[in-house]
């Protein structure tokens, strides 16, 4: 049990001891593995467009696969699987179209516009 009355005093002594230990045993800083490449604005826009449109296209392909799966389950009268795959295809279609529209909006409307004044 501490004989000190002030709880803040305990924090200060721990903080001071940590700072002293850290200063005395500081680890040398090495090179970091994280590098942010320097790109032109046009290259950055192209990478963003490729990523956004690529994700949108991938989601639409997955929606098509789910729709084909729903159709194949419908041929063998499995209504539960048809409902599940149909709902999945619907939401994947929404997500894919949303990704395409959001990418187009960001690349062609948001980036070229002026930043809002704060």
PDB file of N, CA and C in Angstrom:
ATOM      1  N   UNK A   1       0.835  -1.166   0.000  1.00  0.00           N
ATOM      2  CA  UNK A   1       0.000   0.000   0.000  1.00  0.00           C
ATOM      3  C   UNK A   1       0.883   1.233   0.000  1.00  0.00           C
ATOM      4  N   UNK A   2       0.515   2.230  -0.773  1.00  0.00           N
ATOM      5  CA  UNK A   2       1.311   3.446  -0.900  1.00  0.00           C
ATOM      6  C   UNK A   2       1.111   4.353   0.315  1.00  0.00           C
ATOM      7  N   UNK A   3       2.193   5.020   0.683  1.00  0.00           N
ATOM      8  CA  UNK A   3       2.096   5.972   1.791  1.00  0.00           C
ATOM      9  C   UNK A   3       1.783   7.373   1.306  1.00  0.00           C
ATOM     10  N   UNK A   4       1.731   7.529  -0.003  1.00  0.00           N
ATOM     11  CA  UNK A   4       1.432   8.851  -0.553  1.00  0.00           C
ATOM     12  C   UNK A   4      -0.063   9.082  -0.541  1.00  0.00           C
ATOM     13  N   UNK A   5      -0.429  10.329  -0.315  1.00  0.00           N
ATOM     14  CA  UNK A   5      -1.845  10.673  -0.308  1.00  0.00           C
ATOM     15  C   UNK A   5      -2.325  11.082  -1.685  1.00  0.00           C
ATOM     16  N   UNK A   6      -1.440  11.690  -2.462  1.00  0.00           N
ATOM     17  CA  UNK A   6      -1.839  12.236  -3.762  1.00  0.00           C
ATOM     18  C   UNK A   6      -1.679  11.169  -4.851  1.00  0.00           C
ATOM     19  N   UNK A   7      -2.782  10.795  -5.495  1.00  0.00           N
ATOM     20  CA  UNK A   7      -2.721   9.782  -6.559  1.00  0.00           C
ATOM     21  C   UNK A   7      -1.985  10.324  -7.772  1.00  0.00           C
ATOM     22  N   UNK A   8      -2.056  11.613  -8.034  1.00  0.00           N
ATOM     23  CA  UNK A   8      -1.345  12.210  -9.165  1.00  0.00           C
ATOM     24  C   UNK A   8       0.148  12.098  -9.017  1.00  0.00           C
ATOM     25  N   UNK A   9       0.624  12.058  -7.764  1.00  0.00           N
ATOM     26  CA  UNK A   9       2.047  11.918  -7.504  1.00  0.00           C
ATOM     27  C   UNK A   9       2.542  10.569  -8.022  1.00  0.00           C
ATOM     28  N   UNK A  10       1.757   9.531  -7.856  1.00  0.00           N
ATOM     29  CA  UNK A  10       2.125   8.214  -8.352  1.00  0.00           C
ATOM     30  C   UNK A  10       2.260   8.228  -9.869  1.00  0.00           C
ATOM     31  N   UNK A  11       1.319   8.868 -10.534  1.00  0.00           N
ATOM     32  CA  UNK A  11       1.383   8.944 -11.988  1.00  0.00           C
ATOM     33  C   UNK A  11       2.634   9.681 -12.433  1.00  0.00           C
ATOM     34  N   UNK A  12       2.951  10.797 -11.773  1.00  0.00           N
ATOM     35  CA  UNK A  12       4.133  11.571 -12.162  1.00  0.00           C
ATOM     36  C   UNK A  12       5.403  10.752 -11.992  1.00  0.00           C
ATOM     37  N   UNK A  13       5.523  10.002 -10.916  1.00  0.00           N
ATOM     38  CA  UNK A  13       6.751   9.239 -10.724  1.00  0.00           C
ATOM     39  C   UNK A  13       6.871   8.109 -11.738  1.00  0.00           C
ATOM     40  N   UNK A  14       5.775   7.462 -12.048  1.00  0.00           N
ATOM     41  CA  UNK A  14       5.814   6.401 -13.062  1.00  0.00           C
ATOM     42  C   UNK A  14       6.151   7.007 -14.413  1.00  0.00           C
ATOM     43  N   UNK A  15       5.536   8.133 -14.747  1.00  0.00           N
ATOM     44  CA  UNK A  15       5.802   8.789 -16.023  1.00  0.00           C
ATOM     45  C   UNK A  15       7.259   9.205 -16.117  1.00  0.00           C
ATOM     46  N   UNK A  16       7.816   9.752 -15.044  1.00  0.00           N
ATOM     47  CA  UNK A  16       9.216  10.184 -15.060  1.00  0.00           C
ATOM     48  C   UNK A  16      10.158   8.994 -15.193  1.00  0.00           C
ATOM     49  N   UNK A  17       9.851   7.899 -14.491  1.00  0.00           N
ATOM     50  CA  UNK A  17      10.700   6.718 -14.603  1.00  0.00           C
ATOM     51  C   UNK A  17      10.644   6.130 -16.015  1.00  0.00           C
ATOM     52  N   UNK A  18       9.466   6.117 -16.611  1.00  0.00           N
ATOM     53  CA  UNK A  18       9.348   5.607 -17.976  1.00  0.00           C
ATOM     54  C   UNK A  18      10.121   6.491 -18.944  1.00  0.00           C
ATOM     55  N   UNK A  19       9.970   7.804 -18.806  1.00  0.00           N
ATOM     56  CA  UNK A  19      10.686   8.726 -19.701  1.00  0.00           C
ATOM     57  C   UNK A  19      12.191   8.570 -19.550  1.00  0.00           C
ATOM     58  N   UNK A  20      12.662   8.424 -18.324  1.00  0.00           N
ATOM     59  CA  UNK A  20      14.096   8.259 -18.108  1.00  0.00           C
ATOM     60  C   UNK A  20      14.587   6.947 -18.722  1.00  0.00           C
ATOM     61  N   UNK A  21      13.821   5.867 -18.527  1.00  0.00           N
ATOM     62  CA  UNK A  21      14.210   4.584 -19.108  1.00  0.00           C
ATOM     63  C   UNK A  21      14.196   4.645 -20.633  1.00  0.00           C
ATOM     64  N   UNK A  22      13.166   5.256 -21.173  1.00  0.00           N
ATOM     65  CA  UNK A  22      13.051   5.355 -22.636  1.00  0.00           C
ATOM     66  C   UNK A  22      14.192   6.174 -23.215  1.00  0.00           C
ATOM     67  N   UNK A  23      14.538   7.277 -22.578  1.00  0.00           N
ATOM     68  CA  UNK A  23      15.633   8.112 -23.086  1.00  0.00           C
ATOM     69  C   UNK A  23      16.978   7.384 -22.981  1.00  0.00           C
ATOM     70  N   UNK A  24      17.163   6.606 -21.925  1.00  0.00           N
ATOM     71  CA  UNK A  24      18.428   5.910 -21.737  1.00  0.00           C
ATOM     72  C   UNK A  24      18.569   4.691 -22.645  1.00  0.00           C
ATOM     73  N   UNK A  25      17.453   4.080 -23.020  1.00  0.00           N
ATOM     74  CA  UNK A  25      17.489   2.857 -23.832  1.00  0.00           C
ATOM     75  C   UNK A  25      16.705   3.022 -25.128  1.00  0.00           C
ATOM     76  N   UNK A  26      16.854   4.137 -25.772  1.00  0.00           N
ATOM     77  CA  UNK A  26      16.101   4.378 -27.012  1.00  0.00           C
ATOM     78  C   UNK A  26      16.570   3.426 -28.104  1.00  0.00           C
ATOM     79  N   UNK A  27      15.602   2.841 -28.813  1.00  0.00           N
ATOM     80  CA  UNK A  27      15.931   1.939 -29.915  1.00  0.00           C
ATOM     81  C   UNK A  27      16.346   2.753 -31.124  1.00  0.00           C
ATOM     82  N   UNK A  28      17.341   2.299 -31.845  1.00  0.00           N
ATOM     83  CA  UNK A  28      17.710   3.014 -33.065  1.00  0.00           C
ATOM     84  C   UNK A  28      16.612   2.864 -34.110  1.00  0.00           C
ATOM     85  N   UNK A  29      16.345   3.917 -34.787  1.00  0.00           N
ATOM     86  CA  UNK A  29      15.309   3.900 -35.818  1.00  0.00           C
ATOM     87  C   UNK A  29      15.885   3.360 -37.113  1.00  0.00           C
ATOM     88  N   UNK A  30      15.274   2.303 -37.613  1.00  0.00           N
ATOM     89  CA  UNK A  30      15.701   1.730 -38.880  1.00  0.00           C
ATOM     90  C   UNK A  30      14.847   2.259 -40.016  1.00  0.00           C
ATOM     91  N   UNK A  31      15.141   1.774 -41.187  1.00  0.00           N
ATOM     92  CA  UNK A  31      14.339   2.166 -42.335  1.00  0.00           C
ATOM     93  C   UNK A  31      12.973   1.529 -42.227  1.00  0.00           C
ATOM     94  N   UNK A  32      11.970   2.243 -42.624  1.00  0.00           N
ATOM     95  CA  UNK A  32      10.619   1.721 -42.560  1.00  0.00           C
ATOM     96  C   UNK A  32      10.292   0.952 -43.834  1.00  0.00           C
ATOM     97  N   UNK A  33       9.439  -0.029 -43.694  1.00  0.00           N
ATOM     98  CA  UNK A  33       9.011  -0.810 -44.851  1.00  0.00           C
ATOM     99  C   UNK A  33       7.861  -0.126 -45.573  1.00  0.00           C
ATOM    100  N   UNK A  34       7.251   0.846 -44.920  1.00  0.00           N
ATOM    101  CA  UNK A  34       6.112   1.531 -45.525  1.00  0.00           C
ATOM    102  C   UNK A  34       6.607   2.723 -46.329  1.00  0.00           C
ATOM    103  N   UNK A  35       6.374   2.690 -47.582  1.00  0.00           N
ATOM    104  CA  UNK A  35       6.761   3.787 -48.470  1.00  0.00           C
ATOM    105  C   UNK A  35       5.535   4.256 -49.227  1.00  0.00           C
ATOM    106  N   UNK A  36       5.364   5.532 -49.319  1.00  0.00           N
ATOM    107  CA  UNK A  36       4.284   6.100 -50.112  1.00  0.00           C
ATOM    108  C   UNK A  36       4.905   6.585 -51.413  1.00  0.00           C
ATOM    109  N   UNK A  37       4.535   5.964 -52.516  1.00  0.00           N
ATOM    110  CA  UNK A  37       5.150   6.369 -53.777  1.00  0.00           C
ATOM    111  C   UNK A  37       4.700   7.766 -54.180  1.00  0.00           C
ATOM    112  N   UNK A  38       5.612   8.486 -54.780  1.00  0.00           N
ATOM    113  CA  UNK A  38       5.292   9.814 -55.276  1.00  0.00           C
ATOM    114  C   UNK A  38       4.792   9.654 -56.709  1.00  0.00           C
ATOM    115  N   UNK A  39       3.550  10.067 -56.932  1.00  0.00           N
ATOM    116  CA  UNK A  39       2.947   9.929 -58.257  1.00  0.00           C
ATOM    117  C   UNK A  39       2.398  11.276 -58.698  1.00  0.00           C
ATOM    118  N   UNK A  40       2.283  11.423 -59.988  1.00  0.00           N
ATOM    119  CA  UNK A  40       1.636  12.618 -60.507  1.00  0.00           C
ATOM    120  C   UNK A  40       0.131  12.511 -60.265  1.00  0.00           C
ATOM    121  N   UNK A  41      -0.555  13.626 -60.399  1.00  0.00           N
ATOM    122  CA  UNK A  41      -2.006  13.613 -60.195  1.00  0.00           C
ATOM    123  C   UNK A  41      -2.703  12.712 -61.210  1.00  0.00           C
ATOM    124  N   UNK A  42      -2.213  12.713 -62.441  1.00  0.00           N
ATOM    125  CA  UNK A  42      -2.828  11.884 -63.478  1.00  0.00           C
ATOM    126  C   UNK A  42      -2.635  10.394 -63.170  1.00  0.00           C
ATOM    127  N   UNK A  43      -1.445  10.030 -62.715  1.00  0.00           N
ATOM    128  CA  UNK A  43      -1.194   8.626 -62.378  1.00  0.00           C
ATOM    129  C   UNK A  43      -2.029   8.203 -61.176  1.00  0.00           C
ATOM    130  N   UNK A  44      -2.154   9.094 -60.203  1.00  0.00           N
ATOM    131  CA  UNK A  44      -2.963   8.779 -59.026  1.00  0.00           C
ATOM    132  C   UNK A  44      -4.427   8.591 -59.413  1.00  0.00           C
ATOM    133  N   UNK A  45      -4.898   9.418 -60.333  1.00  0.00           N
ATOM    134  CA  UNK A  45      -6.280   9.289 -60.813  1.00  0.00           C
ATOM    135  C   UNK A  45      -6.473   7.975 -61.554  1.00  0.00           C
ATOM    136  N   UNK A  46      -5.496   7.590 -62.377  1.00  0.00           N
ATOM    137  CA  UNK A  46      -5.604   6.329 -63.127  1.00  0.00           C
ATOM    138  C   UNK A  46      -5.607   5.118 -62.195  1.00  0.00           C
ATOM    139  N   UNK A  47      -4.765   5.140 -61.161  1.00  0.00           N
ATOM    140  CA  UNK A  47      -4.732   4.024 -60.205  1.00  0.00           C
ATOM    141  C   UNK A  47      -6.066   3.949 -59.466  1.00  0.00           C
ATOM    142  N   UNK A  48      -6.590   5.093 -59.050  1.00  0.00           N
ATOM    143  CA  UNK A  48      -7.883   5.112 -58.370  1.00  0.00           C
ATOM    144  C   UNK A  48      -9.007   4.614 -59.252  1.00  0.00           C
ATOM    145  N   UNK A  49      -8.973   5.038 -60.518  1.00  0.00           N
ATOM    146  CA  UNK A  49      -9.999   4.587 -61.461  1.00  0.00           C
ATOM    147  C   UNK A  49      -9.906   3.086 -61.686  1.00  0.00           C
ATOM    148  N   UNK A  50      -8.692   2.589 -61.861  1.00  0.00           N
ATOM    149  CA  UNK A  50      -8.516   1.153 -62.095  1.00  0.00           C
ATOM    150  C   UNK A  50      -8.995   0.349 -60.888  1.00  0.00           C
ATOM    151  N   UNK A  51      -8.664   0.803 -59.687  1.00  0.00           N
ATOM    152  CA  UNK A  51      -9.089   0.081 -58.482  1.00  0.00           C
ATOM    153  C   UNK A  51     -10.607   0.123 -58.332  1.00  0.00           C
ATOM    154  N   UNK A  52     -11.197   1.301 -58.469  1.00  0.00           N
ATOM    155  CA  UNK A  52     -12.644   1.435 -58.287  1.00  0.00           C
ATOM    156  C   UNK A  52     -13.444   0.699 -59.336  1.00  0.00           C
ATOM    157  N   UNK A  53     -13.075   0.881 -60.603  1.00  0.00           N
ATOM    158  CA  UNK A  53     -13.804   0.196 -61.671  1.00  0.00           C
ATOM    159  C   UNK A  53     -13.536  -1.313 -61.630  1.00  0.00           C
ATOM    160  N   UNK A  54     -12.323  -1.706 -61.204  1.00  0.00           N
ATOM    161  CA  UNK A  54     -12.011  -3.134 -61.082  1.00  0.00           C
ATOM    162  C   UNK A  54     -12.859  -3.799 -60.006  1.00  0.00           C
ATOM    163  N   UNK A  55     -13.002  -3.138 -58.861  1.00  0.00           N
ATOM    164  CA  UNK A  55     -13.832  -3.690 -57.787  1.00  0.00           C
ATOM    165  C   UNK A  55     -15.294  -3.749 -58.229  1.00  0.00           C
ATOM    166  N   UNK A  56     -15.764  -2.697 -58.901  1.00  0.00           N
ATOM    167  CA  UNK A  56     -17.147  -2.693 -59.394  1.00  0.00           C
ATOM    168  C   UNK A  56     -17.398  -3.812 -60.379  1.00  0.00           C
ATOM    169  N   UNK A  57     -16.452  -4.011 -61.299  1.00  0.00           N
ATOM    170  CA  UNK A  57     -16.605  -5.081 -62.288  1.00  0.00           C
ATOM    171  C   UNK A  57     -16.567  -6.455 -61.622  1.00  0.00           C
ATOM    172  N   UNK A  58     -15.682  -6.619 -60.637  1.00  0.00           N
ATOM    173  CA  UNK A  58     -15.607  -7.895 -59.922  1.00  0.00           C
ATOM    174  C   UNK A  58     -16.925  -8.190 -59.196  1.00  0.00           C
ATOM    175  N   UNK A  59     -17.511  -7.186 -58.574  1.00  0.00           N
ATOM    176  CA  UNK A  59     -18.785  -7.389 -57.896  1.00  0.00           C
ATOM    177  C   UNK A  59     -19.898  -7.752 -58.882  1.00  0.00           C
ATOM    178  N   UNK A  60     -19.882  -7.152 -60.066  1.00  0.00           N
ATOM    179  CA  UNK A  60     -20.892  -7.490 -61.070  1.00  0.00           C
ATOM    180  C   UNK A  60     -20.694  -8.916 -61.595  1.00  0.00           C
ATOM    181  N   UNK A  61     -19.446  -9.343 -61.724  1.00  0.00           N
ATOM    182  CA  UNK A  61     -19.181 -10.727 -62.131  1.00  0.00           C
ATOM    183  C   UNK A  61     -19.685 -11.691 -61.058  1.00  0.00           C
ATOM    184  N   UNK A  62     -19.441 -11.365 -59.790  1.00  0.00           N
ATOM    185  CA  UNK A  62     -19.955 -12.216 -58.711  1.00  0.00           C
ATOM    186  C   UNK A  62     -21.479 -12.233 -58.697  1.00  0.00           C
ATOM    187  N   UNK A  63     -22.116 -11.117 -59.036  1.00  0.00           N
ATOM    188  CA  UNK A  63     -23.579 -11.078 -59.115  1.00  0.00           C
ATOM    189  C   UNK A  63     -24.072 -11.996 -60.234  1.00  0.00           C
ATOM    190  N   UNK A  64     -23.360 -11.990 -61.356  1.00  0.00           N
ATOM    191  CA  UNK A  64     -23.747 -12.873 -62.458  1.00  0.00           C
ATOM    192  C   UNK A  64     -23.593 -14.338 -62.054  1.00  0.00           C
ATOM    193  N   UNK A  65     -22.526 -14.660 -61.336  1.00  0.00           N
ATOM    194  CA  UNK A  65     -22.331 -16.038 -60.871  1.00  0.00           C
ATOM    195  C   UNK A  65     -23.465 -16.438 -59.930  1.00  0.00           C
ATOM    196  N   UNK A  66     -23.846 -15.539 -59.029  1.00  0.00           N
ATOM    197  CA  UNK A  66     -24.942 -15.839 -58.099  1.00  0.00           C
ATOM    198  C   UNK A  66     -26.265 -16.007 -58.848  1.00  0.00           C
ATOM    199  N   UNK A  67     -26.484 -15.201 -59.892  1.00  0.00           N
ATOM    200  CA  UNK A  67     -27.716 -15.329 -60.677  1.00  0.00           C
ATOM    201  C   UNK A  67     -27.757 -16.661 -61.423  1.00  0.00           C
ATOM    202  N   UNK A  68     -26.613 -17.072 -61.963  1.00  0.00           N
ATOM    203  CA  UNK A  68     -26.548 -18.372 -62.650  1.00  0.00           C
ATOM    204  C   UNK A  68     -26.781 -19.502 -61.650  1.00  0.00           C
ATOM    205  N   UNK A  69     -26.225 -19.363 -60.458  1.00  0.00           N
ATOM    206  CA  UNK A  69     -26.443 -20.381 -59.425  1.00  0.00           C
ATOM    207  C   UNK A  69     -27.921 -20.433 -59.032  1.00  0.00           C
ATOM    208  N   UNK A  70     -28.561 -19.275 -58.927  1.00  0.00           N
ATOM    209  CA  UNK A  70     -29.995 -19.261 -58.595  1.00  0.00           C
ATOM    210  C   UNK A  70     -30.803 -19.956 -59.679  1.00  0.00           C
ATOM    211  N   UNK A  71     -30.432 -19.724 -60.935  1.00  0.00           N
ATOM    212  CA  UNK A  71     -31.151 -20.364 -62.041  1.00  0.00           C
ATOM    213  C   UNK A  71     -30.946 -21.876 -62.024  1.00  0.00           C
ATOM    214  N   UNK A  72     -29.716 -22.315 -61.738  1.00  0.00           N
ATOM    215  CA  UNK A  72     -29.467 -23.761 -61.714  1.00  0.00           C
ATOM    216  C   UNK A  72     -30.204 -24.432 -60.554  1.00  0.00           C
ATOM    217  N   UNK A  73     -30.327 -23.754 -59.419  1.00  0.00           N
ATOM    218  CA  UNK A  73     -31.098 -24.308 -58.306  1.00  0.00           C
ATOM    219  C   UNK A  73     -32.588 -24.305 -58.629  1.00  0.00           C
ATOM    220  N   UNK A  74     -33.016 -23.334 -59.429  1.00  0.00           N
ATOM    221  CA  UNK A  74     -34.440 -23.299 -59.804  1.00  0.00           C
ATOM    222  C   UNK A  74     -34.800 -24.488 -60.689  1.00  0.00           C
ATOM    223  N   UNK A  75     -33.851 -24.958 -61.495  1.00  0.00           N
ATOM    224  CA  UNK A  75     -34.117 -26.094 -62.380  1.00  0.00           C
ATOM    225  C   UNK A  75     -34.351 -27.385 -61.607  1.00  0.00           C
ATOM    226  N   UNK A  76     -33.834 -27.462 -60.373  1.00  0.00           N
ATOM    227  CA  UNK A  76     -34.040 -28.665 -59.574  1.00  0.00           C
ATOM    228  C   UNK A  76     -35.017 -28.406 -58.419  1.00  0.00           C
ATOM    229  N   UNK A  77     -35.811 -27.370 -58.544  1.00  0.00           N
ATOM    230  CA  UNK A  77     -36.880 -27.036 -57.597  1.00  0.00           C
ATOM    231  C   UNK A  77     -36.399 -26.880 -56.148  1.00  0.00           C
ATOM    232  N   UNK A  78     -35.337 -26.130 -55.955  1.00  0.00           N
ATOM    233  CA  UNK A  78     -34.846 -25.807 -54.610  1.00  0.00           C
ATOM    234  C   UNK A  78     -35.128 -24.337 -54.337  1.00  0.00           C
ATOM    235  N   UNK A  79     -36.328 -24.049 -53.848  1.00  0.00           N
ATOM    236  CA  UNK A  79     -36.771 -22.662 -53.711  1.00  0.00           C
ATOM    237  C   UNK A  79     -35.967 -21.885 -52.663  1.00  0.00           C
ATOM    238  N   UNK A  80     -35.498 -22.556 -51.616  1.00  0.00           N
ATOM    239  CA  UNK A  80     -34.703 -21.859 -50.601  1.00  0.00           C
ATOM    240  C   UNK A  80     -33.387 -21.359 -51.159  1.00  0.00           C
ATOM    241  N   UNK A  81     -32.708 -22.212 -51.924  1.00  0.00           N
ATOM    242  CA  UNK A  81     -31.438 -21.816 -52.531  1.00  0.00           C
ATOM    243  C   UNK A  81     -31.660 -20.746 -53.588  1.00  0.00           C
ATOM    244  N   UNK A  82     -32.763 -20.853 -54.324  1.00  0.00           N
ATOM    245  CA  UNK A  82     -33.087 -19.839 -55.342  1.00  0.00           C
ATOM    246  C   UNK A  82     -33.268 -18.483 -54.676  1.00  0.00           C
ATOM    247  N   UNK A  83     -33.997 -18.456 -53.577  1.00  0.00           N
ATOM    248  CA  UNK A  83     -34.221 -17.184 -52.878  1.00  0.00           C
ATOM    249  C   UNK A  83     -32.906 -16.615 -52.356  1.00  0.00           C
ATOM    250  N   UNK A  84     -32.078 -17.459 -51.761  1.00  0.00           N
ATOM    251  CA  UNK A  84     -30.807 -16.996 -51.214  1.00  0.00           C
ATOM    252  C   UNK A  84     -29.877 -16.449 -52.275  1.00  0.00           C
ATOM    253  N   UNK A  85     -29.709 -17.196 -53.357  1.00  0.00           N
ATOM    254  CA  UNK A  85     -28.828 -16.745 -54.424  1.00  0.00           C
ATOM    255  C   UNK A  85     -29.403 -15.535 -55.168  1.00  0.00           C
ATOM    256  N   UNK A  86     -30.716 -15.455 -55.267  1.00  0.00           N
ATOM    257  CA  UNK A  86     -31.330 -14.297 -55.922  1.00  0.00           C
ATOM    258  C   UNK A  86     -31.114 -13.029 -55.110  1.00  0.00           C
ATOM    259  N   UNK A  87     -31.293 -13.129 -53.804  1.00  0.00           N
ATOM    260  CA  UNK A  87     -31.044 -11.967 -52.936  1.00  0.00           C
ATOM    261  C   UNK A  87     -29.568 -11.579 -52.991  1.00  0.00           C
ATOM    262  N   UNK A  88     -28.694 -12.575 -52.971  1.00  0.00           N
ATOM    263  CA  UNK A  88     -27.265 -12.305 -53.062  1.00  0.00           C
ATOM    264  C   UNK A  88     -26.924 -11.623 -54.380  1.00  0.00           C
ATOM    265  N   UNK A  89     -27.481 -12.110 -55.480  1.00  0.00           N
ATOM    266  CA  UNK A  89     -27.228 -11.495 -56.786  1.00  0.00           C
ATOM    267  C   UNK A  89     -27.734 -10.056 -56.813  1.00  0.00           C
ATOM    268  N   UNK A  90     -28.897  -9.814 -56.217  1.00  0.00           N
ATOM    269  CA  UNK A  90     -29.453  -8.459 -56.189  1.00  0.00           C
ATOM    270  C   UNK A  90     -28.519  -7.507 -55.441  1.00  0.00           C
ATOM    271  N   UNK A  91     -28.072  -7.898 -54.250  1.00  0.00           N
ATOM    272  CA  UNK A  91     -27.226  -7.004 -53.467  1.00  0.00           C
ATOM    273  C   UNK A  91     -25.827  -6.860 -54.064  1.00  0.00           C
ATOM    274  N   UNK A  92     -25.304  -7.910 -54.677  1.00  0.00           N
ATOM    275  CA  UNK A  92     -24.018  -7.778 -55.367  1.00  0.00           C
ATOM    276  C   UNK A  92     -24.137  -6.844 -56.569  1.00  0.00           C
ATOM    277  N   UNK A  93     -25.276  -6.892 -57.267  1.00  0.00           N
ATOM    278  CA  UNK A  93     -25.503  -5.969 -58.381  1.00  0.00           C
ATOM    279  C   UNK A  93     -25.554  -4.538 -57.874  1.00  0.00           C
ATOM    280  N   UNK A  94     -26.270  -4.317 -56.779  1.00  0.00           N
ATOM    281  CA  UNK A  94     -26.316  -2.970 -56.200  1.00  0.00           C
ATOM    282  C   UNK A  94     -24.925  -2.486 -55.792  1.00  0.00           C
ATOM    283  N   UNK A  95     -24.158  -3.367 -55.163  1.00  0.00           N
ATOM    284  CA  UNK A  95     -22.815  -2.992 -54.721  1.00  0.00           C
ATOM    285  C   UNK A  95     -21.903  -2.695 -55.911  1.00  0.00           C
ATOM    286  N   UNK A  96     -21.977  -3.513 -56.945  1.00  0.00           N
ATOM    287  CA  UNK A  96     -21.146  -3.298 -58.130  1.00  0.00           C
ATOM    288  C   UNK A  96     -21.486  -2.005 -58.840  1.00  0.00           C
ATOM    289  N   UNK A  97     -22.782  -1.762 -59.033  1.00  0.00           N
ATOM    290  CA  UNK A  97     -23.184  -0.507 -59.676  1.00  0.00           C
ATOM    291  C   UNK A  97     -22.832   0.685 -58.803  1.00  0.00           C
ATOM    292  N   UNK A  98     -23.000   0.528 -57.488  1.00  0.00           N
ATOM    293  CA  UNK A  98     -22.624   1.603 -56.571  1.00  0.00           C
ATOM    294  C   UNK A  98     -21.143   1.908 -56.626  1.00  0.00           C
ATOM    295  N   UNK A  99     -20.307   0.878 -56.720  1.00  0.00           N
ATOM    296  CA  UNK A  99     -18.864   1.095 -56.825  1.00  0.00           C
ATOM    297  C   UNK A  99     -18.510   1.818 -58.114  1.00  0.00           C
ATOM    298  N   UNK A 100     -19.159   1.432 -59.211  1.00  0.00           N
ATOM    299  CA  UNK A 100     -18.877   2.105 -60.490  1.00  0.00           C
ATOM    300  C   UNK A 100     -19.304   3.570 -60.454  1.00  0.00           C
ATOM    301  N   UNK A 101     -20.500   3.828 -59.944  1.00  0.00           N
ATOM    302  CA  UNK A 101     -21.004   5.207 -59.889  1.00  0.00           C
ATOM    303  C   UNK A 101     -20.176   6.041 -58.919  1.00  0.00           C
ATOM    304  N   UNK A 102     -19.828   5.485 -57.763  1.00  0.00           N
ATOM    305  CA  UNK A 102     -19.034   6.235 -56.785  1.00  0.00           C
ATOM    306  C   UNK A 102     -17.641   6.545 -57.312  1.00  0.00           C
ATOM    307  N   UNK A 103     -17.042   5.594 -58.019  1.00  0.00           N
ATOM    308  CA  UNK A 103     -15.725   5.848 -58.604  1.00  0.00           C
ATOM    309  C   UNK A 103     -15.805   6.926 -59.666  1.00  0.00           C
ATOM    310  N   UNK A 104     -16.791   6.832 -60.533  1.00  0.00           N
ATOM    311  CA  UNK A 104     -16.961   7.861 -61.565  1.00  0.00           C
ATOM    312  C   UNK A 104     -17.174   9.230 -60.922  1.00  0.00           C
ATOM    313  N   UNK A 105     -18.025   9.292 -59.918  1.00  0.00           N
ATOM    314  CA  UNK A 105     -18.308  10.562 -59.247  1.00  0.00           C
ATOM    315  C   UNK A 105     -17.043  11.130 -58.604  1.00  0.00           C
ATOM    316  N   UNK A 106     -16.290  10.294 -57.940  1.00  0.00           N
ATOM    317  CA  UNK A 106     -15.106  10.777 -57.244  1.00  0.00           C
ATOM    318  C   UNK A 106     -14.030  11.243 -58.223  1.00  0.00           C
ATOM    319  N   UNK A 107     -13.804  10.457 -59.256  1.00  0.00           N
ATOM    320  CA  UNK A 107     -12.714  10.778 -60.187  1.00  0.00           C
ATOM    321  C   UNK A 107     -13.058  11.977 -61.075  1.00  0.00           C
ATOM    322  N   UNK A 108     -14.300  12.062 -61.525  1.00  0.00           N
ATOM    323  CA  UNK A 108     -14.634  13.102 -62.503  1.00  0.00           C
ATOM    324  C   UNK A 108     -15.353  14.313 -61.920  1.00  0.00           C
ATOM    325  N   UNK A 109     -15.883  14.211 -60.696  1.00  0.00           N
ATOM    326  CA  UNK A 109     -16.589  15.351 -60.138  1.00  0.00           C
ATOM    327  C   UNK A 109     -15.960  15.877 -58.856  1.00  0.00           C
ATOM    328  N   UNK A 110     -15.538  14.993 -57.974  1.00  0.00           N
ATOM    329  CA  UNK A 110     -15.012  15.446 -56.681  1.00  0.00           C
ATOM    330  C   UNK A 110     -13.582  15.932 -56.807  1.00  0.00           C
ATOM    331  N   UNK A 111     -12.698  15.134 -57.396  1.00  0.00           N
ATOM    332  CA  UNK A 111     -11.288  15.519 -57.489  1.00  0.00           C
ATOM    333  C   UNK A 111     -11.086  16.794 -58.302  1.00  0.00           C
ATOM    334  N   UNK A 112     -11.687  16.953 -59.474  1.00  0.00           N
ATOM    335  CA  UNK A 112     -11.451  18.191 -60.227  1.00  0.00           C
ATOM    336  C   UNK A 112     -12.054  19.439 -59.578  1.00  0.00           C
ATOM    337  N   UNK A 113     -13.004  19.292 -58.690  1.00  0.00           N
ATOM    338  CA  UNK A 113     -13.654  20.440 -58.062  1.00  0.00           C
ATOM    339  C   UNK A 113     -12.762  21.100 -57.032  1.00  0.00           C
ATOM    340  N   UNK A 114     -13.123  22.305 -56.660  1.00  0.00           N
ATOM    341  CA  UNK A 114     -12.389  23.022 -55.631  1.00  0.00           C
ATOM    342  C   UNK A 114     -12.743  22.441 -54.265  1.00  0.00           C
ATOM    343  N   UNK A 115     -11.766  22.436 -53.386  1.00  0.00           N
ATOM    344  CA  UNK A 115     -12.001  21.961 -52.028  1.00  0.00           C
ATOM    345  C   UNK A 115     -12.901  22.957 -51.309  1.00  0.00           C
ATOM    346  N   UNK A 116     -13.801  22.470 -50.467  1.00  0.00           N
ATOM    347  CA  UNK A 116     -14.678  23.408 -49.738  1.00  0.00           C
ATOM    348  C   UNK A 116     -13.894  24.224 -48.748  1.00  0.00           C
ATOM    349  N   UNK A 117     -14.331  25.449 -48.543  1.00  0.00           N
ATOM    350  CA  UNK A 117     -13.665  26.333 -47.601  1.00  0.00           C
ATOM    351  C   UNK A 117     -14.067  25.965 -46.186  1.00  0.00           C
ATOM    352  N   UNK A 118     -13.106  25.860 -45.293  1.00  0.00           N
ATOM    353  CA  UNK A 118     -13.408  25.509 -43.894  1.00  0.00           C
ATOM    354  C   UNK A 118     -13.358  26.738 -43.048  1.00  0.00           C
TER     355      UNK A 118
END
